[in-house]
C-alpha atoms as a PDB file:
ATOM      1  CA  MET A   1      -0.196   0.205  -0.127  1.00  0.00           C
ATOM      2  CA  ARG A   2       2.857   2.342   0.990  1.00  0.00           C
ATOM      3  CA  GLY A   3       4.409   1.232  -2.307  1.00  0.00           C
ATOM      4  CA  TYR A   4       1.090   2.355  -4.175  1.00  0.00           C
ATOM      5  CA  ILE A   5       0.830   5.560  -2.510  1.00  0.00           C
ATOM      6  CA  THR A   6       4.642   6.456  -3.362  1.00  0.00           C
ATOM      7  CA  LEU A   7       3.951   5.645  -6.999  1.00  0.00           C
ATOM      8  CA  MET A   8       0.694   7.866  -7.135  1.00  0.00           C
ATOM      9  CA  SER A   9       2.779  10.742  -5.530  1.00  0.00           C
ATOM     10  CA  ILE A  10       5.811  10.269  -8.115  1.00  0.00           C
ATOM     11  CA  MET A  11       2.950  10.155 -10.796  1.00  0.00           C
ATOM     12  CA  VAL A  12       1.159  13.246  -9.780  1.00  0.00           C
ATOM     13  CA  SER A  13       4.224  15.564  -9.140  1.00  0.00           C
ATOM     14  CA  TRP A  14       5.381  14.249 -12.603  1.00  0.00           C
ATOM     15  CA  LEU A  15       2.320  15.257 -13.924  1.00  0.00           C
ATOM     16  CA  THR A  16       2.123  18.713 -12.546  1.00  0.00           C
ATOM     17  CA  HIS A  17       5.802  19.589 -13.335  1.00  0.00           C
ATOM     18  CA  THR A  18       4.818  18.439 -16.956  1.00  0.00           C
ATOM     19  CA  LEU A  19       1.583  20.938 -16.705  1.00  0.00           C
ATOM     20  CA  VAL A  20       3.941  23.604 -15.612  1.00  0.00           C
ATOM     21  CA  CYS A  21       6.247  23.293 -18.399  1.00  0.00           C
ATOM     22  CA  ALA A  22       3.911  22.812 -21.041  1.00  0.00           C
ATOM     23  CA  GLN A  23       2.618  26.322 -20.451  1.00  0.00           C
ATOM     24  CA  PRO A  24       2.206  28.208 -23.683  1.00  0.00           C
ATOM     25  CA  MET A  25       4.020  31.337 -24.328  1.00  0.00           C
ATOM     26  CA  GLN A  26       1.374  33.833 -25.584  1.00  0.00           C
ATOM     27  CA  GLY A  27       0.949  37.524 -26.465  1.00  0.00           C
ATOM     28  CA  HIS A  28       0.767  39.794 -29.094  1.00  0.00           C
ATOM     29  CA  VAL A  29       3.491  41.305 -31.627  1.00  0.00           C
ATOM     30  CA  LEU A  30       3.361  45.027 -31.862  1.00  0.00           C
ATOM     31  CA  ASP A  31       5.531  47.519 -34.348  1.00  0.00           C
ATOM     32  CA  VAL A  32       7.854  49.453 -32.252  1.00  0.00           C
ATOM     33  CA  SER A  33       7.470  52.662 -34.010  1.00  0.00           C
ATOM     34  CA  GLY A  34       3.461  52.802 -34.119  1.00  0.00           C
ATOM     35  CA  GLY A  35       2.346  50.517 -31.887  1.00  0.00           C
ATOM     36  CA  LYS A  36       0.380  48.525 -34.323  1.00  0.00           C
ATOM     37  CA  PRO A  37      -0.179  44.729 -34.450  1.00  0.00           C
ATOM     38  CA  MET A  38       1.844  42.850 -36.693  1.00  0.00           C
ATOM     39  CA  GLU A  39       0.368  39.885 -38.751  1.00  0.00           C
ATOM     40  CA  GLY A  40       2.496  37.132 -40.359  1.00  0.00           C
ATOM     41  CA  VAL A  41       5.184  37.169 -37.906  1.00  0.00           C
ATOM     42  CA  LEU A  42       6.936  33.761 -37.624  1.00  0.00           C
ATOM     43  CA  VAL A  43       6.983  32.765 -34.163  1.00  0.00           C
ATOM     44  CA  ASN A  44       9.533  29.682 -33.821  1.00  0.00           C
ATOM     45  CA  ASN A  45      10.738  27.770 -30.597  1.00  0.00           C
ATOM     46  CA  ILE A  46      14.220  27.279 -31.630  1.00  0.00           C
ATOM     47  CA  PHE A  47      14.796  24.248 -29.206  1.00  0.00           C
ATOM     48  CA  THR A  48      11.607  22.286 -30.639  1.00  0.00           C
ATOM     49  CA  ASP A  49      10.953  23.991 -33.924  1.00  0.00           C
ATOM     50  CA  GLU A  50       7.588  24.418 -33.313  1.00  0.00           C
ATOM     51  CA  ARG A  51       6.225  27.303 -35.525  1.00  0.00           C
ATOM     52  CA  MET A  52       3.372  29.284 -35.988  1.00  0.00           C
ATOM     53  CA  ASN A  53       2.575  32.659 -37.371  1.00  0.00           C
ATOM     54  CA  SER A  54       0.989  35.833 -35.384  1.00  0.00           C
ATOM     55  CA  ASP A  55      -2.674  36.685 -36.577  1.00  0.00           C
ATOM     56  CA  LYS A  56      -4.074  39.857 -37.892  1.00  0.00           C
ATOM     57  CA  ASP A  57      -4.183  41.013 -34.440  1.00  0.00           C
ATOM     58  CA  GLY A  58      -0.622  40.325 -33.704  1.00  0.00           C
ATOM     59  CA  ALA A  59      -1.566  37.626 -31.174  1.00  0.00           C
ATOM     60  CA  PHE A  60       0.526  34.396 -30.825  1.00  0.00           C
ATOM     61  CA  SER A  61       0.924  31.418 -28.769  1.00  0.00           C
ATOM     62  CA  VAL A  62       3.676  28.702 -28.680  1.00  0.00           C
ATOM     63  CA  ALA A  63       4.601  25.713 -26.375  1.00  0.00           C
ATOM     64  CA  VAL A  64       7.714  26.525 -24.576  1.00  0.00           C
ATOM     65  CA  ASP A  65       9.910  25.469 -21.389  1.00  0.00           C
ATOM     66  CA  GLU A  66      12.247  27.189 -19.164  1.00  0.00           C
ATOM     67  CA  GLY A  67      15.383  28.514 -20.760  1.00  0.00           C
ATOM     68  CA  GLN A  68      14.370  27.879 -24.446  1.00  0.00           C
ATOM     69  CA  LEU A  69      14.736  30.589 -26.932  1.00  0.00           C
ATOM     70  CA  VAL A  70      12.071  31.757 -29.215  1.00  0.00           C
ATOM     71  CA  GLU A  71      12.546  33.920 -32.290  1.00  0.00           C
ATOM     72  CA  PHE A  72      10.404  36.206 -34.030  1.00  0.00           C
ATOM     73  CA  ARG A  73      11.052  37.020 -37.650  1.00  0.00           C
ATOM     74  CA  LYS A  74       9.162  38.897 -40.371  1.00  0.00           C
ATOM     75  CA  GLU A  75      10.787  40.321 -43.722  1.00  0.00           C
ATOM     76  CA  GLY A  76      12.052  43.912 -43.143  1.00  0.00           C
ATOM     77  CA  TYR A  77      12.304  44.007 -39.479  1.00  0.00           C
ATOM     78  CA  LYS A  78      15.325  43.093 -36.956  1.00  0.00           C
ATOM     79  CA  VAL A  79      14.987  39.339 -36.156  1.00  0.00           C
ATOM     80  CA  LEU A  80      14.022  39.164 -32.186  1.00  0.00           C
ATOM     81  CA  ARG A  81      14.824  36.154 -29.906  1.00  0.00           C
ATOM     82  CA  VAL A  82      13.119  36.093 -26.405  1.00  0.00           C
ATOM     83  CA  ARG A  83      14.569  33.497 -23.705  1.00  0.00           C
ATOM     84  CA  ILE A  84      12.092  32.209 -21.531  1.00  0.00           C
ATOM     85  CA  PRO A  85      12.921  32.983 -17.860  1.00  0.00           C
ATOM     86  CA  GLN A  86      13.517  30.300 -15.192  1.00  0.00           C
ATOM     87  CA  GLY A  87      10.801  29.703 -12.516  1.00  0.00           C
ATOM     88  CA  LYS A  88       7.563  31.791 -12.737  1.00  0.00           C
ATOM     89  CA  ARG A  89       6.814  32.754 -16.216  1.00  0.00           C
ATOM     90  CA  PRO A  90       4.769  35.914 -17.391  1.00  0.00           C
ATOM     91  CA  SER A  91       1.152  34.992 -18.396  1.00  0.00           C
ATOM     92  CA  TYR A  92       1.366  37.558 -21.141  1.00  0.00           C
ATOM     93  CA  PHE A  93       4.293  38.723 -23.673  1.00  0.00           C
ATOM     94  CA  ARG A  94       4.316  42.094 -25.382  1.00  0.00           C
ATOM     95  CA  VAL A  95       6.643  41.772 -27.980  1.00  0.00           C
ATOM     96  CA  MET A  96       7.775  44.795 -29.907  1.00  0.00           C
ATOM     97  CA  MET A  97       9.785  44.628 -33.342  1.00  0.00           C
ATOM     98  CA  GLN A  98      11.698  47.232 -35.178  1.00  0.00           C
ATOM     99  CA  ARG A  99      12.444  47.889 -38.659  1.00  0.00           C
ATOM    100  CA  SER A 100      15.751  47.174 -40.027  1.00  0.00           C
ATOM    101  CA  GLY A 101      17.622  46.698 -43.436  1.00  0.00           C
ATOM    102  CA  THR A 102      19.763  43.919 -41.853  1.00  0.00           C
ATOM    103  CA  ASP A 103      19.246  40.497 -40.498  1.00  0.00           C
ATOM    104  CA  VAL A 104      20.732  41.211 -36.960  1.00  0.00           C
ATOM    105  CA  VAL A 105      19.452  39.376 -34.092  1.00  0.00           C
ATOM    106  CA  ASP A 106      18.298  41.488 -31.062  1.00  0.00           C
ATOM    107  CA  TYR A 107      17.521  40.269 -27.286  1.00  0.00           C
ATOM    108  CA  MET A 108      14.922  41.366 -25.258  1.00  0.00           C
ATOM    109  CA  HIS A 109      16.030  42.172 -21.668  1.00  0.00           C
ATOM    110  CA  THR A 110      18.344  44.576 -22.643  1.00  0.00           C
ATOM    111  CA  ARG A 111      19.965  45.030 -19.254  1.00  0.00           C
ATOM    112  CA  GLU A 112      21.464  41.612 -19.863  1.00  0.00           C
ATOM    113  CA  ALA A 113      22.966  42.458 -23.099  1.00  0.00           C
ATOM    114  CA  ALA A 114      26.636  41.893 -23.307  1.00  0.00           C
ATOM    115  CA  PRO A 115      29.048  44.647 -24.885  1.00  0.00           C
ATOM    116  CA  ASP A 116      30.169  42.478 -27.801  1.00  0.00           C
ATOM    117  CA  TYR A 117      29.741  39.125 -29.159  1.00  0.00           C
ATOM    118  CA  LYS A 118      32.720  37.228 -27.575  1.00  0.00           C
ATOM    119  CA  THR A 119      31.256  37.749 -24.084  1.00  0.00           C
ATOM    120  CA  ASP A 120      27.517  37.359 -25.311  1.00  0.00           C
ATOM    121  CA  SER A 121      28.682  33.678 -26.941  1.00  0.00           C
ATOM    122  CA  MET A 122      30.224  32.559 -23.999  1.00  0.00           C
ATOM    123  CA  ARG A 123      27.116  33.648 -21.697  1.00  0.00           C
ATOM    124  CA  TYR A 124      24.862  31.804 -24.048  1.00  0.00           C
ATOM    125  CA  TYR A 125      27.203  28.646 -24.320  1.00  0.00           C
ATOM    126  CA  ALA A 126      27.257  28.446 -20.610  1.00  0.00           C
ATOM    127  CA  LEU A 127      23.363  28.496 -20.590  1.00  0.00           C
ATOM    128  CA  TYR A 128      22.943  25.900 -23.112  1.00  0.00           C
ATOM    129  CA  LYS A 129      26.212  23.927 -22.452  1.00  0.00           C
ATOM    130  CA  GLU A 130      24.346  20.731 -21.571  1.00  0.00           C
ATOM    131  CA  SER A 131      22.714  20.562 -24.923  1.00  0.00           C
ATOM    132  CA  LEU A 132      25.466  22.125 -26.859  1.00  0.00           C
ATOM    133  CA  GLU A 133      27.935  19.369 -25.540  1.00  0.00           C
ATOM    134  CA  PHE A 134      25.297  16.648 -26.270  1.00  0.00           C
ATOM    135  CA  PRO A 135      27.062  13.816 -28.273  1.00  0.00           C
ATOM    136  CA  LYS A 136      25.812  13.574 -31.969  1.00  0.00           C
ATOM    137  CA  LEU A 137      25.664  10.230 -33.719  1.00  0.00           C
ATOM    138  CA  THR A 138      26.875  10.045 -37.099  1.00  0.00           C
ATOM    139  CA  GLY A 139      27.639   7.203 -39.623  1.00  0.00           C
ATOM    140  CA  LEU A 140      28.441   3.980 -37.944  1.00  0.00           C
ATOM    141  CA  GLU A 141      27.518   5.244 -34.608  1.00  0.00           C
ATOM    142  CA  ALA A 142      23.769   6.006 -35.825  1.00  0.00           C
ATOM    143  CA  LEU A 143      23.701   2.346 -37.012  1.00  0.00           C
ATOM    144  CA  GLN A 144      25.148   0.891 -33.976  1.00  0.00           C
ATOM    145  CA  HIS A 145      22.445   3.056 -31.871  1.00  0.00           C
ATOM    146  CA  PRO A 146      19.362   3.076 -33.918  1.00  0.00           C
ATOM    147  CA  PHE A 147      17.141   4.182 -31.080  1.00  0.00           C
ATOM    148  CA  SER A 148      19.136   6.957 -29.925  1.00  0.00           C
ATOM    149  CA  ALA A 149      19.520   8.344 -33.630  1.00  0.00           C
ATOM    150  CA  MET A 150      15.696   8.247 -34.048  1.00  0.00           C
ATOM    151  CA  SER A 151      14.773   9.568 -30.662  1.00  0.00           C
ATOM    152  CA  LYS A 152      12.741  12.712 -31.261  1.00  0.00           C
ATOM    153  CA  LYS A 153      14.232  14.469 -28.209  1.00  0.00           C
ATOM    154  CA  ASN A 154      17.663  13.849 -29.488  1.00  0.00           C
ATOM    155  CA  ARG A 155      17.041  15.049 -32.916  1.00  0.00           C
ATOM    156  CA  GLN A 156      15.621  18.402 -31.293  1.00  0.00           C
ATOM    157  CA  ILE A 157      18.820  18.650 -29.447  1.00  0.00           C
ATOM    158  CA  TRP A 158      20.879  18.359 -32.468  1.00  0.00           C
ATOM    159  CA  ALA A 159      18.792  20.750 -34.545  1.00  0.00           C
ATOM    160  CA  PHE A 160      19.096  23.290 -31.897  1.00  0.00           C
ATOM    161  CA  GLN A 161      22.992  22.793 -31.910  1.00  0.00           C
ATOM    162  CA  ASP A 162      22.976  23.228 -35.964  1.00  0.00           C
ATOM    163  CA  GLU A 163      20.428  26.320 -35.139  1.00  0.00           C
ATOM    164  CA  TYR A 164      22.941  27.562 -32.316  1.00  0.00           C
ATOM    165  CA  ARG A 165      26.008  27.076 -34.377  1.00  0.00           C
ATOM    166  CA  PHE A 166      24.860  29.115 -37.577  1.00  0.00           C
ATOM    167  CA  TYR A 167      23.460  31.910 -35.400  1.00  0.00           C
ATOM    168  CA  GLN A 168      26.934  32.342 -33.824  1.00  0.00           C
ATOM    169  CA  GLU A 169      28.592  32.314 -37.154  1.00  0.00           C
ATOM    170  CA  GLN A 170      26.299  34.962 -38.488  1.00  0.00           C
ATOM    171  CA  LYS A 171      27.116  37.003 -35.297  1.00  0.00           C
ATOM    172  CA  PHE A 172      30.823  36.616 -35.993  1.00  0.00           C
ATOM    173  CA  ILE A 173      30.310  37.868 -39.717  1.00  0.00           C
ATOM    174  CA  ASP A 174      28.412  40.846 -38.249  1.00  0.00           C
ATOM    175  CA  TYR A 175      31.021  41.691 -35.831  1.00  0.00           C
ATOM    176  CA  THR A 176      33.855  41.450 -38.125  1.00  0.00           C
ATOM    177  CA  PHE A 177      32.236  42.590 -41.207  1.00  0.00           C
ATOM    178  CA  ASN A 178      30.407  45.973 -39.731  1.00  0.00           C
ATOM    179  CA  ASN A 179      29.456  49.210 -41.175  1.00  0.00           C
ATOM    180  CA  LYS A 180      31.971  51.374 -39.382  1.00  0.00           C
ATOM    181  CA  LEU A 181      34.894  49.304 -40.596  1.00  0.00           C
ATOM    182  CA  VAL A 182      33.756  48.972 -44.185  1.00  0.00           C
ATOM    183  CA  ASN A 183      33.077  52.776 -44.209  1.00  0.00           C
ATOM    184  CA  ALA A 184      36.400  53.787 -43.073  1.00  0.00           C
ATOM    185  CA  ILE A 185      38.019  51.520 -45.690  1.00  0.00           C
ATOM    186  CA  THR A 186      35.919  52.354 -48.684  1.00  0.00           C
ATOM    187  CA  GLY A 187      34.150  55.864 -47.945  1.00  0.00           C
ATOM    188  CA  LEU A 188      30.786  54.077 -48.734  1.00  0.00           C
ATOM    189  CA  GLU A 189      27.892  55.198 -46.780  1.00  0.00           C
ATOM    190  CA  GLY A 190      23.982  55.029 -46.786  1.00  0.00           C
ATOM    191  CA  ASP A 191      22.193  52.955 -49.298  1.00  0.00           C
ATOM    192  CA  SER A 192      25.417  52.244 -51.244  1.00  0.00           C
ATOM    193  CA  LEU A 193      27.240  50.862 -48.011  1.00  0.00           C
ATOM    194  CA  GLN A 194      24.089  48.693 -47.336  1.00  0.00           C
ATOM    195  CA  THR A 195      23.840  47.396 -50.995  1.00  0.00           C
ATOM    196  CA  TYR A 196      27.875  46.592 -50.790  1.00  0.00           C
ATOM    197  CA  MET A 197      27.696  44.775 -47.540  1.00  0.00           C
ATOM    198  CA  GLU A 198      24.727  42.734 -48.748  1.00  0.00           C
ATOM    199  CA  LEU A 199      26.429  41.830 -52.271  1.00  0.00           C
ATOM    200  CA  PHE A 200      29.898  41.203 -50.858  1.00  0.00           C
ATOM    201  CA  ARG A 201      28.813  39.417 -47.271  1.00  0.00           C
ATOM    202  CA  PRO A 202      31.948  37.148 -46.518  1.00  0.00           C
ATOM    203  CA  THR A 203      30.943  33.476 -45.335  1.00  0.00           C
ATOM    204  CA  TYR A 204      32.188  32.545 -41.842  1.00  0.00           C
ATOM    205  CA  ASP A 205      34.602  30.190 -43.333  1.00  0.00           C
ATOM    206  CA  GLN A 206      36.144  32.711 -45.684  1.00  0.00           C
ATOM    207  CA  LEU A 207      36.840  35.440 -42.613  1.00  0.00           C
ATOM    208  CA  ARG A 208      38.315  32.301 -40.250  1.00  0.00           C
ATOM    209  CA  SER A 209      40.861  31.670 -43.223  1.00  0.00           C
ATOM    210  CA  MET A 210      41.888  35.321 -43.811  1.00  0.00           C
ATOM    211  CA  SER A 211      44.639  37.454 -42.244  1.00  0.00           C
ATOM    212  CA  GLU A 212      43.839  41.100 -41.128  1.00  0.00           C
ATOM    213  CA  TYR A 213      46.047  42.225 -44.348  1.00  0.00           C
ATOM    214  CA  THR A 214      43.965  39.881 -46.413  1.00  0.00           C
ATOM    215  CA  TYR A 215      40.683  40.824 -44.948  1.00  0.00           C
ATOM    216  CA  PHE A 216      41.414  44.600 -45.397  1.00  0.00           C
ATOM    217  CA  ASN A 217      42.323  43.867 -49.261  1.00  0.00           C
ATOM    218  CA  TYR A 218      39.240  41.738 -49.837  1.00  0.00           C
ATOM    219  CA  ILE A 219      37.164  44.763 -48.718  1.00  0.00           C
ATOM    220  CA  LYS A 220      39.147  47.009 -50.959  1.00  0.00           C
ATOM    221  CA  ARG A 221      39.097  44.916 -53.679  1.00  0.00           C
ATOM    222  CA  THR A 222      35.279  44.392 -53.776  1.00  0.00           C
ATOM    223  CA  ALA A 223      34.498  47.684 -53.109  1.00  0.00           C
ATOM    224  CA  GLU A 224      36.035  48.604 -56.056  1.00  0.00           C
ATOM    225  CA  LEU A 225      34.443  45.811 -58.125  1.00  0.00           C
ATOM    226  CA  TYR A 226      31.204  47.188 -56.485  1.00  0.00           C
ATOM    227  CA  ARG A 227      32.111  50.755 -57.648  1.00  0.00           C
ATOM    228  CA  GLN A 228      32.658  49.604 -61.380  1.00  0.00           C
ATOM    229  CA  ARG A 229      29.472  47.751 -61.289  1.00  0.00           C
ATOM    230  CA  GLY A 230      27.753  50.908 -60.552  1.00  0.00           C
ATOM    231  CA  ILE A 231      29.383  53.002 -63.095  1.00  0.00           C
ATOM    232  CA  ARG A 232      29.047  50.507 -65.817  1.00  0.00           C
ATOM    233  CA  SER A 233      25.170  50.178 -65.138  1.00  0.00           C
ATOM    234  CA  LYS A 234      24.624  53.788 -65.310  1.00  0.00           C
ATOM    235  CA  MET A 235      26.610  54.305 -68.562  1.00  0.00           C
ATOM    236  CA  ALA A 236      24.878  51.047 -70.316  1.00  0.00           C
ATOM    237  CA  PRO A 237      21.806  52.362 -72.438  1.00  0.00           C
ATOM    238  CA  SER A 238      18.380  51.177 -71.082  1.00  0.00           C
ATOM    239  CA  ARG A 239      16.234  48.702 -73.056  1.00  0.00           C
ATOM    240  CA  SER A 240      13.611  51.716 -73.382  1.00  0.00           C
ATOM    241  CA  SER A 241      16.001  53.875 -75.146  1.00  0.00           C
ATOM    242  CA  GLN A 242      17.209  51.214 -77.605  1.00  0.00           C
END
């Protein structure tokens, strides 16, 4: 009888924990400049890859757990990521999105923001250390451990590892290939600067393989190529005039 009661206590405790963890993150997405509701914002739990779009009133609801990241993405706006806090969770989230010509990720809770990408990367790596260091099964290992390879939870963790790695690589590019540096080397500014940076944005592997000298030369050379293309496009006769 005592064993039965103990088992029931464990099951009730587990069920209570599951219900608490399964609470959705819900709220509204608004444009920060006018406070208007935003329809069609992609809301994505990066850890589980559960996705939905905000409705015409900007409302959204997505299942989350403590410590997970939820991404808000819409063309023409800065990507915004919200980390679900530990412990008691807010019952309502008011998400404000800002227009931007670049795909730079912003974090809510700006008081926690780090001064540079290195410190920020270390902080978030520490937060997700267990998941990021979870071993990946590839090739022969996957064949030897088929149940582990097919586990939904394991696949979610591995997908999160890939997403995290991609995001960190993009942050490194943003930090290294930045407006201030490119402007100082090329003299480009405004729309010309933004267009150049979109056309000639280097990859993560490219940047890692370059020395500082090679990198500066890359910017000079591609900026000259960009200017030549611009001159040729202006000099070329339009089809309507032919």
